[in-house]
Structures are given as C-alpha cells and as structure tokens.
Amino acid sequence: MPARKTYEEPRRGPKTTQPVRKKPLKGKQGHWLWLWLGFTGVAMLSATAGAMLAVSLSSTPLLQSKLSAAERAMFTKGGSISTTSMRLPELTRPVNILVLGTKVIASDLPQQPGGVPGYELVNSFDGPTDTMLLLRFNPEAKKLTLLSIPRDTRTYIEGYGLNKINSANVQGGPVLTAKAVSELLEGVGIDRYIRVNVQGVQSLVDALGGVTVYVPEDMKYQDDSQHLYINLKAGKQHLNGDKALQFLRFRYDKFGDIGRVQRQQLLMRALMEQALNPATLARMPKILSVIQSHIDTNLTVEELVALVGFGVQTNRSKVQMLMVPGDFNGTGQREISYWLPDRSRIQQMVAQHFDQGYRDRVAIDPAYLRVVIQDSTGKPEAVESMASTLRKAGYQNVSIDDSWKEPLRVTRIVAQQGDDGSATAIRSSLGFGEVRVESTGSLTSDVTIQLGQDWLQKQSSSENGFFGF
C-alpha cells in the first residue's frame, strides 16, 4: 500500500527561491543506516588509501544529480573547504556534510509502457531518506561530530509545511532536504551532501570484510512484500553485508525507529575501530567500485580525499555521536508516528557542537542531573552500590534502567544529550570508566552509566584495603 502523505498548515518560513518539483511519495519505507555507513568505511582508510582514491576517481564524476546554479549555491555559501599541498588535500575550515540514505523500489518510480510494478530494488537516489546524518568535520578542534536525524522527525519543509523530514528528498531532492535540515537545526549551514542507495550498503560492508558487533537480542521479522527477512541471534558475531543490513533494519523493539538509530551508532563505532587495519588497503578496488556505482555527491575528488585524511587522523575520543533531541508524539497506535524535536535542547546542542548561536553553557547542578545506570555485570548488588556512591557524591536524581546486554570490561559513561562536561565530572568523581558522547544510553537520561567489570574490580580492591585496580 502506498505510504500516505500527511500535510499540516504551513508556518511562515523562508520564501521559495527555486521551484520544487513535486514527486509522488510511494512505497513502503524501510529503515537504513545508508550513507553514513558507507562514508564511515571510506573515511577510516589510511592516507595511502586516500591517494589511491584520488587517482582512481580523478576521471569519474561523482555528481549524479542535475542541480541548477541556484541549487548549487545552496551548498557553496561557505566557499572552498580544502586546499591541495605537495602531499594530500587538507581541510581548511570546519565543514558540515549532509548524509542521506535511500531505498527505492520499482513501484516508487514512473512505470514504462508495458512495465510491471514490483518491489525489486533499483539503482536510484529519489526515494525517502530512511537515514539522515549531519557530519561536522572540525579541523580546528580536531573533532568529528555525527548528528543522527530520526526519519520521523516532524519539521517544516519549504513549500509543504510541517511533515516528516524523510519526505523532503522525494519532494525536492538534496536541496530541499538541506533546507529542511537547516530549518530544523536553527540555521546550521550545509556545505556539501552525499547520497547512497541500498545496493551500496551491503556491498560496502562486504568490501570492508564485514563487521563484528554485539547483537543485543534475538531479531526475527519477515515481510514478504518488501522481501525483508531478518533472523539474527543475540551475542557477539561477525556480520557480512546482508546480516549487517538485517541488524540495521530491525526496528521492532520498544523504541522503534529510535532504537534503530542507537544500533546505527553502535555499528558505526565497530566499523571505525575495525576499518583502521592495513588489510583494508587490499580491499580498495572493491571499495572504489561501490563508491563509483552507488554514491551521489557534490563533493569534488579533492574534497573527498581531504575528508578521508581528516577521518584517519581523528582520535576515537574525538568522535562524538548525537541525536536530535525530542520525544515521541504518542502511542503510535492510531495517530501518525512523529519524533517531536525539542527546540530548546536543539539550540543548546548546535551551539555546543556546531558553533551555531550562543555558546554560553550552563552546567547542570549534579543534584538535578538525570543519571541512569544500566548494568552489564549481572551483579544487582554492584548496581545498588553504584547508585549509593553517586548519591553520596551529590547526584540525587539517579535511577536504574534495564540491563545493558553486552558484557563490558570498562564502564561507559555516556553523555546521552551531548553534555560531555557532566559526563567527565562523573568520571572524575568515580575515578574510572570511559566517557563517550553518543546516544546509545537511556533516552530519558542526561548521562547513562553502563556498568562494567572495572567497577567490580574497584570494589574488590577497596574491600581488600587497596586503592586502585
């Protein structure tokens, strides 16, 4: 059944400067990690791989969309982003890259005479953006920030009013989508875009040799109409391209699409750590083939290589993964499902991580900081002991969530809303653990503590009269 469009009374927004060609929004909408997954794999290659990339793509146009001069200007307001030296291209300033992932099936496209509508995947970029990311490469701070934008986010789309943000690509391509994202994020500028389709995702994961990840629960789902078959067992395992897509597409847990976003970030961490491997160089021909066939971008080869070089040199601790703050609009049983953005928290996030707006940061009083504990040790007494330790340290708003399924050696102190200052303060108070800026913790927390074995070791040492591990 074709997906139903929803329209609401448009609010006053910027005037349309370029006519937007309206396309039908059809087909069932899957849930994917599309382009950021492909781009991350490429960005984690070595400088040598970057040089190979420049040579291999020097005669291959990456731009597969026809943009007018006015549309091209949408992405060039900040000017050049890179420069070429005697060695490799380098970034010259902070740059924001909009990453879009699409899935298009035959029935989404106009039918040719005699053609039969079907659910076969086609090599196109014109479908709904089932995954959206805004990546900020900041050479000044030597930091890479990735902001996940849930596909059901309700926002203003120029010419269409309030709607789900994933429909913007169907209605006006990367240009209209960039405008919608900028509107959502308090005017954050978009320097370039990249789009990838479904065919490229599985091929790229396979070209990278697969990915090892912890599957938190058994995942089983079947939808014959979409040719979607998911069957994964819980536990740590190495996934090929097909199984990685199953991991990413599954959304039938209590958090739905938001749970899928969290799994995207988990998989991304795993890819980043595994792609920094000399063996990746031997896979370059396959990787380049995927890039040439399944990516549409207005990045030049020089700019792409500059981003590759920056990604290689970025320390893992400087990679921060965020999600547009908000909340569900209801039960989702009868009403249309939306992710309702929290405007005040968005303002704080873009000011801190995207240099947009006022940068004044007000520290949250520890007594009001929402701290949630997720246990991976299997020791209830250890969880209660951690909660007691935090309260004694002044953190009064402490609660316990469902367990973290993956057994952890090192405790993770997750800045769920991007507040790395509060997470670092907790780390200093406890004297152990690893601070992560990502959105994999409890949705209702400011900071989530995913308790690991190091807490048990610390307790044991204290009981035996030692200080340390």
Protein backbone atom coordinates (compact mmCIF):
# COMPACT_ATOMS: atom_id res chain seq x y z
CA MET A 1 0.00 0.00 0.00
CA PRO A 2 1.46 3.39 -0.90
CA ALA A 3 2.65 5.42 2.05
CA ARG A 4 0.16 8.17 2.94
CA LYS A 5 1.35 11.75 2.85
CA THR A 6 0.41 13.99 5.71
CA TYR A 7 0.09 17.73 5.42
CA GLU A 8 -0.47 20.36 8.05
CA GLU A 9 -0.95 24.09 7.91
CA PRO A 10 2.40 25.57 6.83
CA ARG A 11 4.02 28.01 9.19
CA ARG A 12 5.68 31.11 7.94
CA GLY A 13 9.13 30.26 6.60
CA PRO A 14 11.67 31.48 4.08
CA LYS A 15 10.34 32.28 0.63
CA THR A 16 10.88 29.71 -2.09
CA THR A 17 13.66 30.84 -4.40
CA GLN A 18 13.65 27.80 -6.66
CA PRO A 19 10.57 25.89 -7.83
CA VAL A 20 10.45 22.47 -6.21
CA ARG A 21 9.33 19.62 -8.46
CA LYS A 22 6.77 17.56 -6.60
CA LYS A 23 7.20 13.81 -6.87
CA PRO A 24 4.85 11.10 -5.64
CA LEU A 25 5.77 9.57 -2.33
CA LYS A 26 5.17 5.87 -2.76
CA GLY A 27 6.18 2.53 -1.44
CA LYS A 28 6.90 1.17 1.97
CA GLN A 29 9.66 2.87 3.82
CA GLY A 30 12.44 0.72 5.26
CA HIS A 31 14.90 1.80 7.88
CA TRP A 32 18.53 2.02 6.99
CA LEU A 33 21.86 3.30 8.02
CA TRP A 34 22.68 4.05 4.38
CA LEU A 35 25.22 6.65 3.59
CA TRP A 36 26.94 7.31 6.86
CA LEU A 37 27.80 3.63 6.98
CA GLY A 38 29.39 3.82 3.55
CA PHE A 39 31.06 7.11 4.23
CA THR A 40 32.46 5.95 7.57
CA GLY A 41 34.07 2.94 5.95
CA VAL A 42 35.74 5.17 3.40
CA ALA A 43 36.73 7.83 5.92
CA MET A 44 38.59 5.36 8.09
CA LEU A 45 41.09 4.39 5.38
CA SER A 46 44.75 5.37 5.57
CA ALA A 47 46.36 8.33 3.82
CA THR A 48 47.71 5.92 1.25
CA ALA A 49 44.18 4.79 0.52
CA GLY A 50 43.23 8.44 0.13
CA ALA A 51 45.86 8.90 -2.53
CA MET A 52 44.63 5.82 -4.34
CA LEU A 53 41.11 7.19 -4.14
CA ALA A 54 42.14 10.46 -5.78
CA VAL A 55 43.86 8.72 -8.65
CA SER A 56 41.10 6.17 -9.20
CA LEU A 57 38.26 8.70 -9.20
CA SER A 58 40.01 11.56 -10.99
CA SER A 59 38.11 10.89 -14.22
CA THR A 60 34.85 9.68 -12.66
CA PRO A 61 32.09 12.22 -11.94
CA LEU A 62 30.58 11.61 -8.51
CA LEU A 63 27.67 14.01 -9.03
CA GLN A 64 24.74 12.03 -10.40
CA SER A 65 22.08 14.70 -9.85
CA LYS A 66 21.38 17.68 -12.10
CA LEU A 67 21.48 20.83 -9.98
CA SER A 68 20.74 24.34 -11.21
CA ALA A 69 23.06 27.22 -10.42
CA ALA A 70 20.70 28.36 -7.64
CA GLU A 71 20.62 24.84 -6.19
CA ARG A 72 24.39 24.51 -6.31
CA ALA A 73 24.68 27.81 -4.45
CA MET A 74 22.83 26.26 -1.51
CA PHE A 75 25.96 24.23 -0.74
CA THR A 76 28.71 26.72 -1.56
CA LYS A 77 27.94 29.67 0.71
CA GLY A 78 30.97 28.95 2.86
CA GLY A 79 33.35 28.74 -0.09
CA SER A 80 36.15 26.26 -0.52
CA ILE A 81 36.65 23.61 2.17
CA SER A 82 40.05 22.20 1.21
CA THR A 83 43.42 23.02 -0.25
CA THR A 84 46.00 20.95 -2.09
CA SER A 85 49.57 20.89 -0.83
CA MET A 86 52.61 18.99 -2.02
CA ARG A 87 51.19 15.95 -0.25
CA LEU A 88 47.44 15.34 0.09
CA PRO A 89 44.46 17.73 0.17
CA GLU A 90 43.61 19.06 3.63
CA LEU A 91 40.55 20.69 5.17
CA THR A 92 40.86 24.43 5.62
CA ARG A 93 37.85 25.03 7.88
CA PRO A 94 35.02 23.27 9.73
CA VAL A 95 32.60 21.73 7.25
CA ASN A 96 29.10 20.21 7.57
CA ILE A 97 28.27 17.26 5.31
CA LEU A 98 24.65 16.10 4.96
CA VAL A 99 24.50 12.33 4.56
CA LEU A 100 21.35 10.81 3.08
CA GLY A 101 20.48 7.14 2.59
CA THR A 102 17.70 6.00 0.29
CA LYS A 103 15.85 2.85 -0.65
CA VAL A 104 13.98 2.88 -3.94
CA ILE A 105 11.88 0.03 -5.29
CA ALA A 106 10.44 -0.35 -8.79
CA SER A 107 6.92 0.68 -7.76
CA ASP A 108 8.24 4.02 -6.48
CA LEU A 109 9.19 5.12 -9.99
CA PRO A 110 7.04 6.04 -13.04
CA GLN A 111 6.23 2.86 -14.95
CA GLN A 112 7.37 2.37 -18.52
CA PRO A 113 4.78 1.20 -21.06
CA GLY A 114 4.27 -2.50 -20.51
CA GLY A 115 6.21 -2.39 -17.24
CA VAL A 116 5.03 -4.29 -14.20
CA PRO A 117 5.21 -2.58 -10.77
CA GLY A 118 7.21 -4.56 -8.26
CA TYR A 119 9.28 -4.49 -5.12
CA GLU A 120 12.64 -5.01 -6.80
CA LEU A 121 15.32 -2.58 -5.59
CA VAL A 122 16.50 -0.16 -8.25
CA ASN A 123 19.65 1.93 -8.53
CA SER A 124 18.16 5.34 -7.78
CA PHE A 125 18.53 8.13 -5.21
CA ASP A 126 14.99 9.53 -5.41
CA GLY A 127 13.34 7.66 -2.56
CA PRO A 128 12.63 8.65 1.06
CA THR A 129 15.75 9.27 3.12
CA ASP A 130 15.44 6.43 5.58
CA THR A 131 18.65 7.50 7.29
CA MET A 132 19.94 11.04 7.74
CA LEU A 133 23.14 12.29 9.32
CA LEU A 134 24.83 15.65 9.59
CA LEU A 135 28.59 15.21 9.92
CA ARG A 136 30.78 18.05 11.15
CA PHE A 137 34.48 17.78 10.37
CA ASN A 138 36.24 20.32 12.57
CA PRO A 139 40.00 20.58 11.89
CA GLU A 140 40.33 23.39 14.43
CA ALA A 141 39.10 21.26 17.33
CA LYS A 142 40.30 18.01 15.66
CA LYS A 143 36.81 16.63 16.28
CA LEU A 144 34.27 14.72 14.22
CA THR A 145 30.62 15.11 15.24
CA LEU A 146 27.82 12.97 13.85
CA LEU A 147 24.22 14.01 14.41
CA SER A 148 21.54 11.40 13.70
CA ILE A 149 18.22 12.81 12.49
CA PRO A 150 15.34 10.34 13.03
CA ARG A 151 13.41 9.81 9.81
CA ASP A 152 10.08 10.55 11.54
CA THR A 153 11.21 13.96 12.81
CA ARG A 154 8.38 16.46 12.36
CA THR A 155 9.68 19.69 10.89
CA TYR A 156 8.98 22.46 8.38
CA ILE A 157 9.61 21.61 4.72
CA GLU A 158 9.62 24.59 2.40
CA GLY A 159 6.53 24.54 0.21
CA TYR A 160 4.96 21.62 2.08
CA GLY A 161 4.53 22.80 5.66
CA LEU A 162 5.04 20.51 8.64
CA ASN A 163 5.81 16.95 7.67
CA LYS A 164 8.18 14.06 8.29
CA ILE A 165 11.67 15.12 7.32
CA ASN A 166 12.38 11.98 5.33
CA SER A 167 9.87 13.04 2.66
CA ALA A 168 11.92 16.10 1.63
CA ASN A 169 14.22 14.09 -0.67
CA VAL A 170 11.24 12.74 -2.61
CA GLN A 171 9.69 16.18 -2.95
CA GLY A 172 12.79 18.19 -3.77
CA GLY A 173 15.97 16.12 -3.66
CA PRO A 174 19.10 17.01 -1.67
CA VAL A 175 18.49 20.75 -1.96
CA LEU A 176 15.07 20.74 -0.28
CA THR A 177 16.36 18.24 2.28
CA ALA A 178 19.29 20.51 3.12
CA LYS A 179 16.90 23.42 3.62
CA ALA A 180 14.70 21.31 5.92
CA VAL A 181 17.68 20.17 7.99
CA SER A 182 18.97 23.73 8.29
CA GLU A 183 15.49 24.87 9.38
CA LEU A 184 15.35 22.12 12.00
CA LEU A 185 18.82 22.94 13.37
CA GLU A 186 18.45 26.67 13.94
CA GLY A 187 20.03 27.72 10.62
CA VAL A 188 23.12 25.48 10.63
CA GLY A 189 24.76 25.73 7.21
CA ILE A 190 25.11 22.71 4.92
CA ASP A 191 28.36 22.70 2.92
CA ARG A 192 28.01 19.52 0.87
CA TYR A 193 25.78 16.46 0.57
CA ILE A 194 26.25 12.75 -0.08
CA ARG A 195 23.52 10.27 -1.02
CA VAL A 196 23.85 6.50 -1.17
CA ASN A 197 21.27 3.85 -2.05
CA VAL A 198 20.57 0.47 -0.59
CA GLN A 199 22.60 -1.52 -3.10
CA GLY A 200 25.78 0.19 -1.98
CA VAL A 201 25.41 -0.55 1.73
CA GLN A 202 25.59 -4.32 1.61
CA SER A 203 28.35 -4.21 -1.00
CA LEU A 204 30.43 -1.80 1.05
CA VAL A 205 30.19 -3.84 4.26
CA ASP A 206 31.28 -6.91 2.29
CA ALA A 207 34.10 -4.93 0.67
CA LEU A 208 35.32 -3.96 4.14
CA GLY A 209 35.35 -7.61 5.18
CA GLY A 210 32.22 -7.45 7.34
CA VAL A 211 31.88 -6.07 10.85
CA THR A 212 31.96 -7.61 14.34
CA VAL A 213 29.18 -6.33 16.60
CA TYR A 214 27.21 -7.43 19.65
CA VAL A 215 23.59 -8.21 18.76
CA PRO A 216 21.68 -7.30 21.95
CA GLU A 217 18.70 -9.61 21.41
CA ASP A 218 17.28 -12.18 19.02
CA MET A 219 15.97 -10.34 15.97
CA LYS A 220 13.39 -12.09 13.83
CA TYR A 221 10.98 -10.48 11.38
CA GLN A 222 9.52 -11.29 7.97
CA ASP A 223 7.78 -9.06 5.42
CA ASP A 224 7.29 -10.81 2.08
CA SER A 225 6.01 -7.64 0.39
CA GLN A 226 9.34 -5.90 0.96
CA HIS A 227 11.45 -9.05 0.63
CA LEU A 228 12.60 -8.31 4.17
CA TYR A 229 13.80 -11.29 6.18
CA ILE A 230 15.56 -10.72 9.50
CA ASN A 231 16.89 -13.61 11.54
CA LEU A 232 19.76 -12.83 13.93
CA LYS A 233 20.69 -14.47 17.22
CA ALA A 234 21.81 -12.48 20.27
CA GLY A 235 25.52 -12.28 21.04
CA LYS A 236 28.82 -11.08 19.61
CA GLN A 237 29.27 -12.08 15.99
CA HIS A 238 30.84 -11.13 12.68
CA LEU A 239 28.23 -9.90 10.21
CA ASN A 240 28.53 -9.85 6.44
CA GLY A 241 26.75 -7.19 4.39
CA ASP A 242 23.38 -8.94 4.33
CA LYS A 243 23.34 -9.61 8.09
CA ALA A 244 24.60 -6.10 8.88
CA LEU A 245 21.59 -4.72 6.99
CA GLN A 246 19.30 -7.00 8.95
CA PHE A 247 20.81 -5.57 12.14
CA LEU A 248 20.21 -2.05 10.89
CA ARG A 249 16.72 -2.55 9.51
CA PHE A 250 15.23 -4.17 12.61
CA ARG A 251 13.01 -1.73 14.49
CA TYR A 252 10.50 -3.95 16.25
CA ASP A 253 11.53 -3.21 19.82
CA LYS A 254 10.04 -0.81 22.35
CA PHE A 255 11.86 2.21 20.89
CA GLY A 256 11.06 1.56 17.22
CA ASP A 257 12.98 3.86 14.88
CA ILE A 258 14.91 5.45 17.77
CA GLY A 259 16.22 2.02 18.78
CA ARG A 260 17.39 1.63 15.20
CA VAL A 261 19.27 4.93 15.43
CA GLN A 262 21.01 3.66 18.57
CA ARG A 263 22.07 0.48 16.77
CA GLN A 264 23.42 2.59 13.93
CA GLN A 265 25.74 4.32 16.37
CA LEU A 266 26.88 1.01 17.87
CA LEU A 267 27.67 -0.37 14.43
CA MET A 268 29.45 2.81 13.47
CA ARG A 269 31.80 2.55 16.47
CA ALA A 270 32.60 -1.02 15.48
CA LEU A 271 33.30 -0.07 11.87
CA MET A 272 35.57 2.79 12.87
CA GLU A 273 37.69 0.54 15.06
CA GLN A 274 37.89 -2.29 12.54
CA ALA A 275 38.50 -0.26 9.38
CA LEU A 276 41.79 1.09 10.78
CA ASN A 277 43.53 -2.03 9.55
CA PRO A 278 46.31 -2.48 6.97
CA ALA A 279 44.21 -5.24 5.39
CA THR A 280 41.74 -2.56 4.30
CA LEU A 281 44.19 -1.39 1.62
CA ALA A 282 43.92 -4.71 -0.18
CA ARG A 283 40.16 -4.19 -0.43
CA MET A 284 40.43 -0.78 -2.10
CA PRO A 285 39.37 -1.90 -5.61
CA LYS A 286 36.05 -3.24 -4.28
CA ILE A 287 35.51 -0.16 -2.13
CA LEU A 288 36.16 2.18 -5.06
CA SER A 289 33.73 0.24 -7.23
CA VAL A 290 30.98 0.73 -4.65
CA ILE A 291 31.71 4.46 -4.41
CA GLN A 292 31.57 4.94 -8.16
CA SER A 293 28.33 3.00 -8.60
CA HIS A 294 26.17 3.90 -5.61
CA ILE A 295 27.07 7.40 -4.41
CA ASP A 296 25.74 10.78 -5.50
CA THR A 297 27.62 13.75 -4.04
CA ASN A 298 28.62 17.30 -4.88
CA LEU A 299 31.99 16.80 -3.18
CA THR A 300 34.96 17.09 -5.50
CA VAL A 301 37.62 14.39 -5.50
CA GLU A 302 39.99 16.78 -3.73
CA GLU A 303 37.41 17.47 -1.01
CA LEU A 304 36.63 13.80 -0.58
CA VAL A 305 40.29 12.93 -0.12
CA ALA A 306 40.64 15.78 2.40
CA LEU A 307 37.77 14.32 4.44
CA VAL A 308 39.37 10.87 4.24
CA GLY A 309 42.65 12.24 5.57
CA PHE A 310 40.92 14.03 8.43
CA GLY A 311 38.95 10.92 9.40
CA VAL A 312 42.12 8.84 9.52
CA GLN A 313 43.84 11.25 11.89
CA THR A 314 40.89 11.78 14.25
CA ASN A 315 41.26 10.12 17.65
CA ARG A 316 38.33 7.91 18.65
CA SER A 317 37.76 10.01 21.77
CA LYS A 318 37.18 12.99 19.49
CA VAL A 319 34.36 11.28 17.61
CA GLN A 320 31.01 12.34 19.07
CA MET A 321 27.66 10.88 18.05
CA LEU A 322 24.47 12.76 18.85
CA MET A 323 20.78 12.50 18.05
CA VAL A 324 18.24 15.27 17.51
CA PRO A 325 16.70 15.67 20.99
CA GLY A 326 12.98 15.16 21.22
CA ASP A 327 10.24 12.76 22.22
CA PHE A 328 7.57 10.52 20.73
CA ASN A 329 4.23 12.14 19.91
CA GLY A 330 2.10 9.39 21.45
CA THR A 331 1.43 5.69 21.43
CA GLY A 332 1.75 5.39 17.65
CA GLN A 333 -1.27 3.06 17.57
CA ARG A 334 -3.70 5.34 15.72
CA GLU A 335 -2.07 8.68 15.17
CA ILE A 336 0.78 9.21 12.73
CA SER A 337 4.10 8.49 14.41
CA TYR A 338 6.36 11.52 14.81
CA TRP A 339 9.59 12.34 16.62
CA LEU A 340 8.85 15.78 18.06
CA PRO A 341 12.05 17.87 18.27
CA ASP A 342 12.87 19.73 21.49
CA ARG A 343 13.72 23.24 20.30
CA SER A 344 15.46 24.47 23.45
CA ARG A 345 17.73 21.43 23.62
CA ILE A 346 18.45 21.68 19.89
CA GLN A 347 19.61 25.26 20.44
CA GLN A 348 22.00 24.11 23.15
CA MET A 349 23.28 21.22 21.03
CA VAL A 350 24.01 23.20 17.87
CA ALA A 351 25.65 25.96 19.91
CA GLN A 352 27.98 23.47 21.59
CA HIS A 353 28.73 21.11 18.72
CA PHE A 354 28.06 23.10 15.51
CA ASP A 355 29.17 26.61 16.53
CA GLN A 356 25.70 27.95 15.80
CA GLY A 357 24.16 30.52 18.13
CA TYR A 358 25.22 31.41 21.65
CA ARG A 359 27.98 29.30 23.15
CA ASP A 360 27.32 30.05 26.80
CA ARG A 361 26.96 26.71 28.57
CA VAL A 362 25.23 26.47 31.93
CA ALA A 363 26.43 23.48 33.92
CA ILE A 364 23.63 21.28 35.26
CA ASP A 365 23.52 21.05 39.04
CA PRO A 366 24.57 17.46 39.93
CA ALA A 367 21.52 17.23 42.19
CA TYR A 368 19.24 17.61 39.14
CA LEU A 369 21.33 15.76 36.54
CA ARG A 370 19.39 12.75 35.28
CA VAL A 371 21.74 9.80 35.77
CA VAL A 372 20.62 6.31 34.73
CA ILE A 373 22.51 3.08 35.44
CA GLN A 374 22.46 0.13 33.02
CA ASP A 375 24.14 -2.99 34.39
CA SER A 376 26.25 -5.38 32.32
CA THR A 377 27.85 -7.25 35.26
CA GLY A 378 24.91 -9.40 36.33
CA LYS A 379 25.50 -8.30 39.93
CA PRO A 380 22.46 -6.46 41.39
CA GLU A 381 24.44 -5.54 44.49
CA ALA A 382 27.02 -3.79 42.30
CA VAL A 383 24.28 -1.65 40.74
CA GLU A 384 22.89 -0.64 44.12
CA SER A 385 26.39 0.15 45.33
CA MET A 386 26.99 2.42 42.31
CA ALA A 387 23.69 4.22 42.89
CA SER A 388 24.65 4.77 46.54
CA THR A 389 28.12 6.03 45.54
CA LEU A 390 26.61 8.54 43.11
CA ARG A 391 24.11 9.86 45.65
CA LYS A 392 26.85 10.36 48.22
CA ALA A 393 28.73 12.37 45.57
CA GLY A 394 25.74 14.73 45.19
CA TYR A 395 23.91 13.07 42.27
CA GLN A 396 20.42 12.76 43.70
CA ASN A 397 18.43 12.06 40.51
CA VAL A 398 19.70 8.50 39.98
CA SER A 399 17.63 5.63 38.59
CA ILE A 400 18.21 2.09 37.32
CA ASP A 401 17.22 1.02 33.79
CA ASP A 402 17.09 -2.33 32.01
CA SER A 403 20.42 -4.14 31.84
CA TRP A 404 22.96 -3.47 29.07
CA LYS A 405 23.10 -6.80 27.23
CA GLU A 406 26.74 -6.72 26.11
CA PRO A 407 29.19 -7.66 28.93
CA LEU A 408 31.57 -4.70 29.35
CA ARG A 409 35.09 -4.75 30.70
CA VAL A 410 35.25 -0.96 31.04
CA THR A 411 32.34 1.12 32.35
CA ARG A 412 30.95 3.54 29.80
CA ILE A 413 29.82 6.97 30.96
CA VAL A 414 27.56 8.05 28.10
CA ALA A 415 26.72 11.71 27.53
CA GLN A 416 23.30 10.89 26.10
CA GLN A 417 22.36 14.51 25.32
CA GLY A 418 25.88 15.59 24.29
CA ASP A 419 26.78 17.09 27.69
CA ASP A 420 30.35 15.82 27.86
CA GLY A 421 31.13 18.21 30.74
CA SER A 422 28.73 16.45 33.11
CA ALA A 423 29.89 13.02 31.96
CA THR A 424 33.53 13.98 32.53
CA ALA A 425 32.66 15.29 36.01
CA ILE A 426 31.14 11.91 36.89
CA ARG A 427 34.23 10.16 35.53
CA SER A 428 36.43 12.33 37.75
CA SER A 429 34.26 11.64 40.78
CA LEU A 430 34.29 7.86 40.26
CA GLY A 431 37.93 7.64 39.23
CA PHE A 432 37.35 5.08 36.46
CA GLY A 433 35.37 4.46 33.29
CA GLU A 434 35.35 5.76 29.71
CA VAL A 435 33.43 8.87 28.64
CA ARG A 436 31.53 8.55 25.37
CA VAL A 437 29.47 11.21 23.64
CA GLU A 438 26.77 9.21 21.88
CA SER A 439 23.06 8.43 22.08
CA THR A 440 23.21 4.73 22.95
CA GLY A 441 22.12 5.14 26.58
CA SER A 442 18.74 5.67 28.23
CA LEU A 443 16.59 8.13 26.27
CA THR A 444 15.40 9.79 29.47
CA SER A 445 18.89 10.42 30.87
CA ASP A 446 21.41 13.23 30.68
CA VAL A 447 24.16 10.71 31.46
CA THR A 448 23.89 6.92 31.31
CA ILE A 449 26.39 4.74 33.20
CA GLN A 450 26.74 1.34 31.54
CA LEU A 451 28.36 -0.58 34.39
CA GLY A 452 31.35 -2.81 33.58
CA GLN A 453 33.74 -5.22 35.28
CA ASP A 454 36.10 -2.42 36.35
CA TRP A 455 33.53 -1.39 38.99
CA LEU A 456 33.63 -4.89 40.47
CA GLN A 457 37.43 -4.76 40.48
CA LYS A 458 37.41 -1.39 42.21
CA GLN A 459 35.04 -2.66 44.89
CA SER A 460 37.14 -5.76 45.43
CA SER A 461 40.33 -3.70 45.80
CA SER A 462 38.66 -1.38 48.31
CA GLU A 463 37.40 -4.29 50.38
CA ASN A 464 40.91 -5.75 50.48
CA GLY A 465 42.37 -2.47 51.68
CA PHE A 466 43.97 -1.42 48.37
CA PHE A 467 43.43 1.71 46.36
CA GLY A 468 43.40 1.21 42.64
CA PHE A 469 42.99 -1.87 40.49
